[in-house]
Amino acid sequence: MLLIHCPYCGETLPELEFVYAGEAHIARPDPATATDEDWRDFLFIRNNIRGAHFERWRHVHGCGRFFNAVRDTVSDRFLTTYRVGDPRPDLATLKERAE
């Protein structure tokens, strides 16, 4: 079972408390100028990387807020979680702490 830390509640809880909400840091296209290809890319094209992946999660059975997380897709471990609007954490620092 995965344990996820909510940066708003300050608690680390089982993954059943949360729901995955997609890749983090995806910019929504401007509806006035976006092409069909822009919308296709926004809605369907995602990175599928091996290693540290930036994700968005929601604490549905708690505070209800969205937050970002960095999860290693190989080990399935969360490296960190942080509030929406906070800058991306430095991956080199996170990897050093995890080792």
PDB file of N, CA and C in Angstrom:
ATOM      1  N   MET A   1       0.834  -1.172   0.000  1.00  0.00           N
ATOM      2  CA  MET A   1       0.000   0.000   0.000  1.00  0.00           C
ATOM      3  C   MET A   1       0.887   1.246   0.000  1.00  0.00           C
ATOM      4  N   LEU A   2       0.519   2.200  -0.824  1.00  0.00           N
ATOM      5  CA  LEU A   2       1.247   3.462  -0.864  1.00  0.00           C
ATOM      6  C   LEU A   2       0.794   4.367   0.273  1.00  0.00           C
ATOM      7  N   LEU A   3       1.735   5.071   0.868  1.00  0.00           N
ATOM      8  CA  LEU A   3       1.427   6.110   1.841  1.00  0.00           C
ATOM      9  C   LEU A   3       1.736   7.450   1.195  1.00  0.00           C
ATOM     10  N   ILE A   4       0.790   8.364   1.274  1.00  0.00           N
ATOM     11  CA  ILE A   4       0.920   9.662   0.618  1.00  0.00           C
ATOM     12  C   ILE A   4       0.779  10.753   1.668  1.00  0.00           C
ATOM     13  N   HIS A   5       1.673  11.730   1.610  1.00  0.00           N
ATOM     14  CA  HIS A   5       1.638  12.863   2.539  1.00  0.00           C
ATOM     15  C   HIS A   5       0.859  14.019   1.910  1.00  0.00           C
ATOM     16  N   CYS A   6      -0.187  14.488   2.587  1.00  0.00           N
ATOM     17  CA  CYS A   6      -0.935  15.658   2.119  1.00  0.00           C
ATOM     18  C   CYS A   6      -0.241  16.910   2.654  1.00  0.00           C
ATOM     19  N   PRO A   7       0.246  17.781   1.765  1.00  0.00           N
ATOM     20  CA  PRO A   7       0.953  18.972   2.233  1.00  0.00           C
ATOM     21  C   PRO A   7       0.029  20.000   2.878  1.00  0.00           C
ATOM     22  N   TYR A   8      -1.269  19.873   2.723  1.00  0.00           N
ATOM     23  CA  TYR A   8      -2.219  20.803   3.344  1.00  0.00           C
ATOM     24  C   TYR A   8      -2.631  20.322   4.727  1.00  0.00           C
ATOM     25  N   CYS A   9      -2.971  19.041   4.862  1.00  0.00           N
ATOM     26  CA  CYS A   9      -3.374  18.480   6.160  1.00  0.00           C
ATOM     27  C   CYS A   9      -2.170  18.181   7.050  1.00  0.00           C
ATOM     28  N   GLY A  10      -1.022  17.917   6.406  1.00  0.00           N
ATOM     29  CA  GLY A  10       0.180  17.566   7.152  1.00  0.00           C
ATOM     30  C   GLY A  10       0.183  16.125   7.633  1.00  0.00           C
ATOM     31  N   GLU A  11      -0.657  15.268   7.053  1.00  0.00           N
ATOM     32  CA  GLU A  11      -0.747  13.871   7.464  1.00  0.00           C
ATOM     33  C   GLU A  11      -0.306  12.942   6.342  1.00  0.00           C
ATOM     34  N   THR A  12       0.262  11.803   6.714  1.00  0.00           N
ATOM     35  CA  THR A  12       0.624  10.758   5.767  1.00  0.00           C
ATOM     36  C   THR A  12      -0.384   9.634   5.929  1.00  0.00           C
ATOM     37  N   LEU A  13      -1.131   9.374   4.841  1.00  0.00           N
ATOM     38  CA  LEU A  13      -2.267   8.459   4.900  1.00  0.00           C
ATOM     39  C   LEU A  13      -2.214   7.446   3.764  1.00  0.00           C
ATOM     40  N   PRO A  14      -2.996   6.349   3.866  1.00  0.00           N
ATOM     41  CA  PRO A  14      -3.030   5.359   2.788  1.00  0.00           C
ATOM     42  C   PRO A  14      -3.581   5.948   1.494  1.00  0.00           C
ATOM     43  N   GLU A  15      -3.164   5.370   0.382  1.00  0.00           N
ATOM     44  CA  GLU A  15      -3.558   5.876  -0.931  1.00  0.00           C
ATOM     45  C   GLU A  15      -5.068   5.870  -1.148  1.00  0.00           C
ATOM     46  N   LEU A  16      -5.818   5.081  -0.396  1.00  0.00           N
ATOM     47  CA  LEU A  16      -7.272   5.049  -0.529  1.00  0.00           C
ATOM     48  C   LEU A  16      -7.914   6.400  -0.206  1.00  0.00           C
ATOM     49  N   GLU A  17      -7.197   7.256   0.506  1.00  0.00           N
ATOM     50  CA  GLU A  17      -7.681   8.602   0.838  1.00  0.00           C
ATOM     51  C   GLU A  17      -7.581   9.553  -0.350  1.00  0.00           C
ATOM     52  N   PHE A  18      -6.828   9.162  -1.370  1.00  0.00           N
ATOM     53  CA  PHE A  18      -6.466  10.074  -2.448  1.00  0.00           C
ATOM     54  C   PHE A  18      -6.910   9.540  -3.799  1.00  0.00           C
ATOM     55  N   VAL A  19      -6.930  10.414  -4.787  1.00  0.00           N
ATOM     56  CA  VAL A  19      -7.201  10.011  -6.159  1.00  0.00           C
ATOM     57  C   VAL A  19      -6.184  10.706  -7.070  1.00  0.00           C
ATOM     58  N   TYR A  20      -5.675   9.940  -8.016  1.00  0.00           N
ATOM     59  CA  TYR A  20      -4.725  10.448  -9.006  1.00  0.00           C
ATOM     60  C   TYR A  20      -5.455  11.390  -9.950  1.00  0.00           C
ATOM     61  N   ALA A  21      -4.846  12.521 -10.266  1.00  0.00           N
ATOM     62  CA  ALA A  21      -5.504  13.522 -11.112  1.00  0.00           C
ATOM     63  C   ALA A  21      -4.671  13.891 -12.339  1.00  0.00           C
ATOM     64  N   GLY A  22      -3.733  13.037 -12.724  1.00  0.00           N
ATOM     65  CA  GLY A  22      -2.980  13.275 -13.948  1.00  0.00           C
ATOM     66  C   GLY A  22      -1.607  13.861 -13.727  1.00  0.00           C
ATOM     67  N   GLU A  23      -0.972  14.168 -14.821  1.00  0.00           N
ATOM     68  CA  GLU A  23       0.372  14.737 -14.805  1.00  0.00           C
ATOM     69  C   GLU A  23       0.314  16.184 -14.315  1.00  0.00           C
ATOM     70  N   ALA A  24       1.272  16.565 -13.511  1.00  0.00           N
ATOM     71  CA  ALA A  24       1.325  17.931 -12.973  1.00  0.00           C
ATOM     72  C   ALA A  24       2.004  18.875 -13.956  1.00  0.00           C
ATOM     73  N   HIS A  25       1.769  20.147 -13.758  1.00  0.00           N
ATOM     74  CA  HIS A  25       2.421  21.233 -14.507  1.00  0.00           C
ATOM     75  C   HIS A  25       2.095  21.203 -15.998  1.00  0.00           C
ATOM     76  N   ILE A  26       0.854  20.885 -16.334  1.00  0.00           N
ATOM     77  CA  ILE A  26       0.389  20.912 -17.716  1.00  0.00           C
ATOM     78  C   ILE A  26      -0.342  22.236 -17.925  1.00  0.00           C
ATOM     79  N   ALA A  27       0.112  23.004 -18.900  1.00  0.00           N
ATOM     80  CA  ALA A  27      -0.504  24.312 -19.168  1.00  0.00           C
ATOM     81  C   ALA A  27      -1.741  24.137 -20.048  1.00  0.00           C
ATOM     82  N   ARG A  28      -2.850  24.699 -19.602  1.00  0.00           N
ATOM     83  CA  ARG A  28      -4.098  24.647 -20.378  1.00  0.00           C
ATOM     84  C   ARG A  28      -3.996  25.623 -21.539  1.00  0.00           C
ATOM     85  N   PRO A  29      -4.365  25.204 -22.748  1.00  0.00           N
ATOM     86  CA  PRO A  29      -4.296  26.116 -23.895  1.00  0.00           C
ATOM     87  C   PRO A  29      -5.345  27.229 -23.791  1.00  0.00           C
ATOM     88  N   ASP A  30      -5.075  28.327 -24.442  1.00  0.00           N
ATOM     89  CA  ASP A  30      -6.014  29.447 -24.498  1.00  0.00           C
ATOM     90  C   ASP A  30      -7.155  29.061 -25.442  1.00  0.00           C
ATOM     91  N   PRO A  31      -8.392  28.971 -24.945  1.00  0.00           N
ATOM     92  CA  PRO A  31      -9.501  28.535 -25.803  1.00  0.00           C
ATOM     93  C   PRO A  31      -9.721  29.434 -27.020  1.00  0.00           C
ATOM     94  N   ALA A  32      -9.349  30.695 -26.928  1.00  0.00           N
ATOM     95  CA  ALA A  32      -9.581  31.620 -28.044  1.00  0.00           C
ATOM     96  C   ALA A  32      -8.639  31.366 -29.215  1.00  0.00           C
ATOM     97  N   THR A  33      -7.460  30.817 -28.935  1.00  0.00           N
ATOM     98  CA  THR A  33      -6.470  30.664 -30.005  1.00  0.00           C
ATOM     99  C   THR A  33      -6.016  29.223 -30.222  1.00  0.00           C
ATOM    100  N   ALA A  34      -6.465  28.298 -29.384  1.00  0.00           N
ATOM    101  CA  ALA A  34      -5.979  26.911 -29.467  1.00  0.00           C
ATOM    102  C   ALA A  34      -6.518  26.194 -30.700  1.00  0.00           C
ATOM    103  N   THR A  35      -5.654  25.403 -31.314  1.00  0.00           N
ATOM    104  CA  THR A  35      -6.043  24.579 -32.455  1.00  0.00           C
ATOM    105  C   THR A  35      -6.524  23.217 -31.947  1.00  0.00           C
ATOM    106  N   ASP A  36      -7.063  22.424 -32.845  1.00  0.00           N
ATOM    107  CA  ASP A  36      -7.466  21.069 -32.470  1.00  0.00           C
ATOM    108  C   ASP A  36      -6.269  20.256 -31.979  1.00  0.00           C
ATOM    109  N   GLU A  37      -5.104  20.481 -32.581  1.00  0.00           N
ATOM    110  CA  GLU A  37      -3.895  19.770 -32.171  1.00  0.00           C
ATOM    111  C   GLU A  37      -3.472  20.187 -30.759  1.00  0.00           C
ATOM    112  N   ASP A  38      -3.623  21.485 -30.441  1.00  0.00           N
ATOM    113  CA  ASP A  38      -3.305  21.956 -29.087  1.00  0.00           C
ATOM    114  C   ASP A  38      -4.182  21.257 -28.054  1.00  0.00           C
ATOM    115  N   TRP A  39      -5.484  21.134 -28.343  1.00  0.00           N
ATOM    116  CA  TRP A  39      -6.408  20.470 -27.420  1.00  0.00           C
ATOM    117  C   TRP A  39      -6.112  18.979 -27.329  1.00  0.00           C
ATOM    118  N   ARG A  40      -5.784  18.355 -28.455  1.00  0.00           N
ATOM    119  CA  ARG A  40      -5.418  16.941 -28.437  1.00  0.00           C
ATOM    120  C   ARG A  40      -4.219  16.712 -27.522  1.00  0.00           C
ATOM    121  N   ASP A  41      -3.194  17.539 -27.701  1.00  0.00           N
ATOM    122  CA  ASP A  41      -1.994  17.400 -26.878  1.00  0.00           C
ATOM    123  C   ASP A  41      -2.310  17.621 -25.401  1.00  0.00           C
ATOM    124  N   PHE A  42      -3.127  18.623 -25.088  1.00  0.00           N
ATOM    125  CA  PHE A  42      -3.471  18.927 -23.700  1.00  0.00           C
ATOM    126  C   PHE A  42      -4.267  17.790 -23.065  1.00  0.00           C
ATOM    127  N   LEU A  43      -5.208  17.245 -23.795  1.00  0.00           N
ATOM    128  CA  LEU A  43      -6.103  16.239 -23.225  1.00  0.00           C
ATOM    129  C   LEU A  43      -5.529  14.824 -23.211  1.00  0.00           C
ATOM    130  N   PHE A  44      -4.715  14.476 -24.205  1.00  0.00           N
ATOM    131  CA  PHE A  44      -4.357  13.073 -24.356  1.00  0.00           C
ATOM    132  C   PHE A  44      -2.867  12.751 -24.348  1.00  0.00           C
ATOM    133  N   ILE A  45      -2.009  13.667 -24.740  1.00  0.00           N
ATOM    134  CA  ILE A  45      -0.584  13.363 -24.865  1.00  0.00           C
ATOM    135  C   ILE A  45       0.116  13.646 -23.540  1.00  0.00           C
ATOM    136  N   ARG A  46       0.693  12.615 -22.955  1.00  0.00           N
ATOM    137  CA  ARG A  46       1.384  12.736 -21.678  1.00  0.00           C
ATOM    138  C   ARG A  46       2.734  12.050 -21.744  1.00  0.00           C
ATOM    139  N   ASN A  47       3.631  12.494 -20.869  1.00  0.00           N
ATOM    140  CA  ASN A  47       4.927  11.847 -20.734  1.00  0.00           C
ATOM    141  C   ASN A  47       4.739  10.511 -20.029  1.00  0.00           C
ATOM    142  N   ASN A  48       5.479   9.520 -20.436  1.00  0.00           N
ATOM    143  CA  ASN A  48       5.461   8.219 -19.782  1.00  0.00           C
ATOM    144  C   ASN A  48       6.905   7.862 -19.478  1.00  0.00           C
ATOM    145  N   ILE A  49       7.439   8.534 -18.482  1.00  0.00           N
ATOM    146  CA  ILE A  49       8.865   8.415 -18.213  1.00  0.00           C
ATOM    147  C   ILE A  49       9.153   7.329 -17.184  1.00  0.00           C
ATOM    148  N   ARG A  50      10.379   6.905 -17.175  1.00  0.00           N
ATOM    149  CA  ARG A  50      10.875   5.969 -16.174  1.00  0.00           C
ATOM    150  C   ARG A  50      11.679   6.783 -15.176  1.00  0.00           C
ATOM    151  N   GLY A  51      11.261   6.776 -13.930  1.00  0.00           N
ATOM    152  CA  GLY A  51      11.955   7.541 -12.899  1.00  0.00           C
ATOM    153  C   GLY A  51      11.028   8.566 -12.276  1.00  0.00           C
ATOM    154  N   ALA A  52      11.593   9.704 -11.880  1.00  0.00           N
ATOM    155  CA  ALA A  52      10.827  10.737 -11.183  1.00  0.00           C
ATOM    156  C   ALA A  52       9.787  11.355 -12.118  1.00  0.00           C
ATOM    157  N   HIS A  53       8.544  11.330 -11.658  1.00  0.00           N
ATOM    158  CA  HIS A  53       7.415  11.810 -12.466  1.00  0.00           C
ATOM    159  C   HIS A  53       6.600  12.798 -11.627  1.00  0.00           C
ATOM    160  N   PHE A  54       6.300  13.950 -12.202  1.00  0.00           N
ATOM    161  CA  PHE A  54       5.508  14.973 -11.510  1.00  0.00           C
ATOM    162  C   PHE A  54       4.031  14.686 -11.727  1.00  0.00           C
ATOM    163  N   GLU A  55       3.291  14.512 -10.635  1.00  0.00           N
ATOM    164  CA  GLU A  55       1.893  14.128 -10.708  1.00  0.00           C
ATOM    165  C   GLU A  55       1.024  15.076  -9.892  1.00  0.00           C
ATOM    166  N   ARG A  56      -0.263  15.095 -10.218  1.00  0.00           N
ATOM    167  CA  ARG A  56      -1.254  15.840  -9.445  1.00  0.00           C
ATOM    168  C   ARG A  56      -2.142  14.818  -8.743  1.00  0.00           C
ATOM    169  N   TRP A  57      -2.419  15.063  -7.458  1.00  0.00           N
ATOM    170  CA  TRP A  57      -3.272  14.193  -6.652  1.00  0.00           C
ATOM    171  C   TRP A  57      -4.311  15.045  -5.931  1.00  0.00           C
ATOM    172  N   ARG A  58      -5.387  14.392  -5.479  1.00  0.00           N
ATOM    173  CA  ARG A  58      -6.416  15.087  -4.707  1.00  0.00           C
ATOM    174  C   ARG A  58      -6.729  14.274  -3.455  1.00  0.00           C
ATOM    175  N   HIS A  59      -6.803  14.967  -2.336  1.00  0.00           N
ATOM    176  CA  HIS A  59      -7.113  14.333  -1.058  1.00  0.00           C
ATOM    177  C   HIS A  59      -8.634  14.301  -0.901  1.00  0.00           C
ATOM    178  N   VAL A  60      -9.278  13.365  -1.577  1.00  0.00           N
ATOM    179  CA  VAL A  60     -10.741  13.341  -1.655  1.00  0.00           C
ATOM    180  C   VAL A  60     -11.421  13.013  -0.331  1.00  0.00           C
ATOM    181  N   HIS A  61     -10.826  12.181   0.492  1.00  0.00           N
ATOM    182  CA  HIS A  61     -11.451  11.795   1.767  1.00  0.00           C
ATOM    183  C   HIS A  61     -10.855  12.566   2.939  1.00  0.00           C
ATOM    184  N   GLY A  62     -10.354  13.758   2.637  1.00  0.00           N
ATOM    185  CA  GLY A  62      -9.784  14.614   3.672  1.00  0.00           C
ATOM    186  C   GLY A  62     -10.140  16.053   3.371  1.00  0.00           C
ATOM    187  N   CYS A  63      -9.135  16.848   3.113  1.00  0.00           N
ATOM    188  CA  CYS A  63      -9.350  18.286   2.880  1.00  0.00           C
ATOM    189  C   CYS A  63      -9.943  18.585   1.504  1.00  0.00           C
ATOM    190  N   GLY A  64      -9.870  17.623   0.565  1.00  0.00           N
ATOM    191  CA  GLY A  64     -10.447  17.816  -0.761  1.00  0.00           C
ATOM    192  C   GLY A  64      -9.590  18.631  -1.708  1.00  0.00           C
ATOM    193  N   ARG A  65      -8.389  18.986  -1.295  1.00  0.00           N
ATOM    194  CA  ARG A  65      -7.544  19.869  -2.108  1.00  0.00           C
ATOM    195  C   ARG A  65      -6.624  19.078  -3.034  1.00  0.00           C
ATOM    196  N   PHE A  66      -6.275  19.725  -4.144  1.00  0.00           N
ATOM    197  CA  PHE A  66      -5.308  19.174  -5.084  1.00  0.00           C
ATOM    198  C   PHE A  66      -3.905  19.554  -4.623  1.00  0.00           C
ATOM    199  N   PHE A  67      -2.943  18.659  -4.867  1.00  0.00           N
ATOM    200  CA  PHE A  67      -1.535  18.949  -4.587  1.00  0.00           C
ATOM    201  C   PHE A  67      -0.693  18.207  -5.611  1.00  0.00           C
ATOM    202  N   ASN A  68       0.578  18.565  -5.680  1.00  0.00           N
ATOM    203  CA  ASN A  68       1.514  17.926  -6.601  1.00  0.00           C
ATOM    204  C   ASN A  68       2.406  16.963  -5.834  1.00  0.00           C
ATOM    205  N   ALA A  69       2.893  15.974  -6.553  1.00  0.00           N
ATOM    206  CA  ALA A  69       3.781  14.985  -5.956  1.00  0.00           C
ATOM    207  C   ALA A  69       4.837  14.590  -6.975  1.00  0.00           C
ATOM    208  N   VAL A  70       5.975  14.150  -6.468  1.00  0.00           N
ATOM    209  CA  VAL A  70       7.008  13.544  -7.311  1.00  0.00           C
ATOM    210  C   VAL A  70       7.081  12.087  -6.886  1.00  0.00           C
ATOM    211  N   ARG A  71       6.789  11.196  -7.837  1.00  0.00           N
ATOM    212  CA  ARG A  71       6.780   9.761  -7.560  1.00  0.00           C
ATOM    213  C   ARG A  71       7.747   9.073  -8.506  1.00  0.00           C
ATOM    214  N   ASP A  72       8.551   8.170  -7.961  1.00  0.00           N
ATOM    215  CA  ASP A  72       9.464   7.374  -8.775  1.00  0.00           C
ATOM    216  C   ASP A  72       8.653   6.231  -9.378  1.00  0.00           C
ATOM    217  N   THR A  73       8.546   6.193 -10.698  1.00  0.00           N
ATOM    218  CA  THR A  73       7.719   5.184 -11.365  1.00  0.00           C
ATOM    219  C   THR A  73       8.355   3.799 -11.354  1.00  0.00           C
ATOM    220  N   VAL A  74       9.632   3.702 -11.024  1.00  0.00           N
ATOM    221  CA  VAL A  74      10.295   2.402 -10.952  1.00  0.00           C
ATOM    222  C   VAL A  74      10.020   1.749  -9.594  1.00  0.00           C
ATOM    223  N   SER A  75      10.249   2.489  -8.517  1.00  0.00           N
ATOM    224  CA  SER A  75      10.054   1.934  -7.171  1.00  0.00           C
ATOM    225  C   SER A  75       8.648   2.184  -6.628  1.00  0.00           C
ATOM    226  N   ASP A  76       7.882   3.051  -7.273  1.00  0.00           N
ATOM    227  CA  ASP A  76       6.537   3.446  -6.848  1.00  0.00           C
ATOM    228  C   ASP A  76       6.550   4.165  -5.503  1.00  0.00           C
ATOM    229  N   ARG A  77       7.684   4.805  -5.176  1.00  0.00           N
ATOM    230  CA  ARG A  77       7.809   5.577  -3.935  1.00  0.00           C
ATOM    231  C   ARG A  77       7.582   7.051  -4.215  1.00  0.00           C
ATOM    232  N   PHE A  78       6.918   7.717  -3.290  1.00  0.00           N
ATOM    233  CA  PHE A  78       6.753   9.164  -3.379  1.00  0.00           C
ATOM    234  C   PHE A  78       8.017   9.817  -2.836  1.00  0.00           C
ATOM    235  N   LEU A  79       8.624  10.674  -3.637  1.00  0.00           N
ATOM    236  CA  LEU A  79       9.831  11.371  -3.202  1.00  0.00           C
ATOM    237  C   LEU A  79       9.475  12.608  -2.394  1.00  0.00           C
ATOM    238  N   THR A  80       8.389  13.277  -2.786  1.00  0.00           N
ATOM    239  CA  THR A  80       7.908  14.435  -2.036  1.00  0.00           C
ATOM    240  C   THR A  80       6.521  14.820  -2.539  1.00  0.00           C
ATOM    241  N   THR A  81       5.829  15.602  -1.746  1.00  0.00           N
ATOM    242  CA  THR A  81       4.573  16.227  -2.159  1.00  0.00           C
ATOM    243  C   THR A  81       4.690  17.709  -1.848  1.00  0.00           C
ATOM    244  N   TYR A  82       3.978  18.526  -2.607  1.00  0.00           N
ATOM    245  CA  TYR A  82       4.034  19.967  -2.390  1.00  0.00           C
ATOM    246  C   TYR A  82       2.753  20.616  -2.884  1.00  0.00           C
ATOM    247  N   ARG A  83       2.483  21.802  -2.372  1.00  0.00           N
ATOM    248  CA  ARG A  83       1.245  22.511  -2.690  1.00  0.00           C
ATOM    249  C   ARG A  83       1.219  23.000  -4.129  1.00  0.00           C
ATOM    250  N   VAL A  84       0.020  23.055  -4.691  1.00  0.00           N
ATOM    251  CA  VAL A  84      -0.168  23.621  -6.031  1.00  0.00           C
ATOM    252  C   VAL A  84       0.276  25.083  -5.976  1.00  0.00           C
ATOM    253  N   GLY A  85       1.038  25.497  -6.958  1.00  0.00           N
ATOM    254  CA  GLY A  85       1.550  26.867  -6.990  1.00  0.00           C
ATOM    255  C   GLY A  85       2.974  26.996  -6.487  1.00  0.00           C
ATOM    256  N   ASP A  86       3.424  26.021  -5.688  1.00  0.00           N
ATOM    257  CA  ASP A  86       4.821  26.015  -5.249  1.00  0.00           C
ATOM    258  C   ASP A  86       5.698  25.594  -6.424  1.00  0.00           C
ATOM    259  N   PRO A  87       6.949  26.058  -6.457  1.00  0.00           N
ATOM    260  CA  PRO A  87       7.831  25.662  -7.568  1.00  0.00           C
ATOM    261  C   PRO A  87       8.159  24.172  -7.522  1.00  0.00           C
ATOM    262  N   ARG A  88       8.514  23.640  -8.691  1.00  0.00           N
ATOM    263  CA  ARG A  88       8.936  22.238  -8.758  1.00  0.00           C
ATOM    264  C   ARG A  88      10.164  22.024  -7.893  1.00  0.00           C
ATOM    265  N   PRO A  89      10.201  20.935  -7.143  1.00  0.00           N
ATOM    266  CA  PRO A  89      11.409  20.644  -6.365  1.00  0.00           C
ATOM    267  C   PRO A  89      12.561  20.223  -7.277  1.00  0.00           C
ATOM    268  N   ASP A  90      13.759  20.407  -6.795  1.00  0.00           N
ATOM    269  CA  ASP A  90      14.964  20.016  -7.540  1.00  0.00           C
ATOM    270  C   ASP A  90      15.123  18.495  -7.477  1.00  0.00           C
ATOM    271  N   LEU A  91      15.124  17.845  -8.630  1.00  0.00           N
ATOM    272  CA  LEU A  91      15.189  16.379  -8.685  1.00  0.00           C
ATOM    273  C   LEU A  91      16.505  15.836  -8.129  1.00  0.00           C
ATOM    274  N   ALA A  92      17.604  16.538  -8.364  1.00  0.00           N
ATOM    275  CA  ALA A  92      18.909  16.056  -7.865  1.00  0.00           C
ATOM    276  C   ALA A  92      18.899  15.981  -6.354  1.00  0.00           C
ATOM    277  N   THR A  93      18.339  16.976  -5.684  1.00  0.00           N
ATOM    278  CA  THR A  93      18.263  16.980  -4.224  1.00  0.00           C
ATOM    279  C   THR A  93      17.357  15.863  -3.722  1.00  0.00           C
ATOM    280  N   LEU A  94      16.234  15.644  -4.394  1.00  0.00           N
ATOM    281  CA  LEU A  94      15.310  14.577  -3.990  1.00  0.00           C
ATOM    282  C   LEU A  94      15.942  13.203  -4.115  1.00  0.00           C
ATOM    283  N   LYS A  95      16.686  12.973  -5.188  1.00  0.00           N
ATOM    284  CA  LYS A  95      17.324  11.673  -5.405  1.00  0.00           C
ATOM    285  C   LYS A  95      18.406  11.423  -4.359  1.00  0.00           C
ATOM    286  N   GLU A  96      19.130  12.464  -3.965  1.00  0.00           N
ATOM    287  CA  GLU A  96      20.155  12.304  -2.928  1.00  0.00           C
ATOM    288  C   GLU A  96      19.517  11.930  -1.607  1.00  0.00           C
ATOM    289  N   ARG A  97      18.392  12.579  -1.260  1.00  0.00           N
ATOM    290  CA  ARG A  97      17.706  12.286  -0.007  1.00  0.00           C
ATOM    291  C   ARG A  97      17.145  10.876   0.011  1.00  0.00           C
ATOM    292  N   ALA A  98      16.708  10.379  -1.154  1.00  0.00           N
ATOM    293  CA  ALA A  98      16.087   9.052  -1.225  1.00  0.00           C
ATOM    294  C   ALA A  98      17.119   7.927  -1.089  1.00  0.00           C
ATOM    295  N   GLU A  99      18.353   8.212  -1.420  1.00  0.00           N
ATOM    296  CA  GLU A  99      19.382   7.158  -1.399  1.00  0.00           C
ATOM    297  C   GLU A  99      19.954   6.929  -0.040  1.00  0.00           C
TER     298      GLU A  99
END
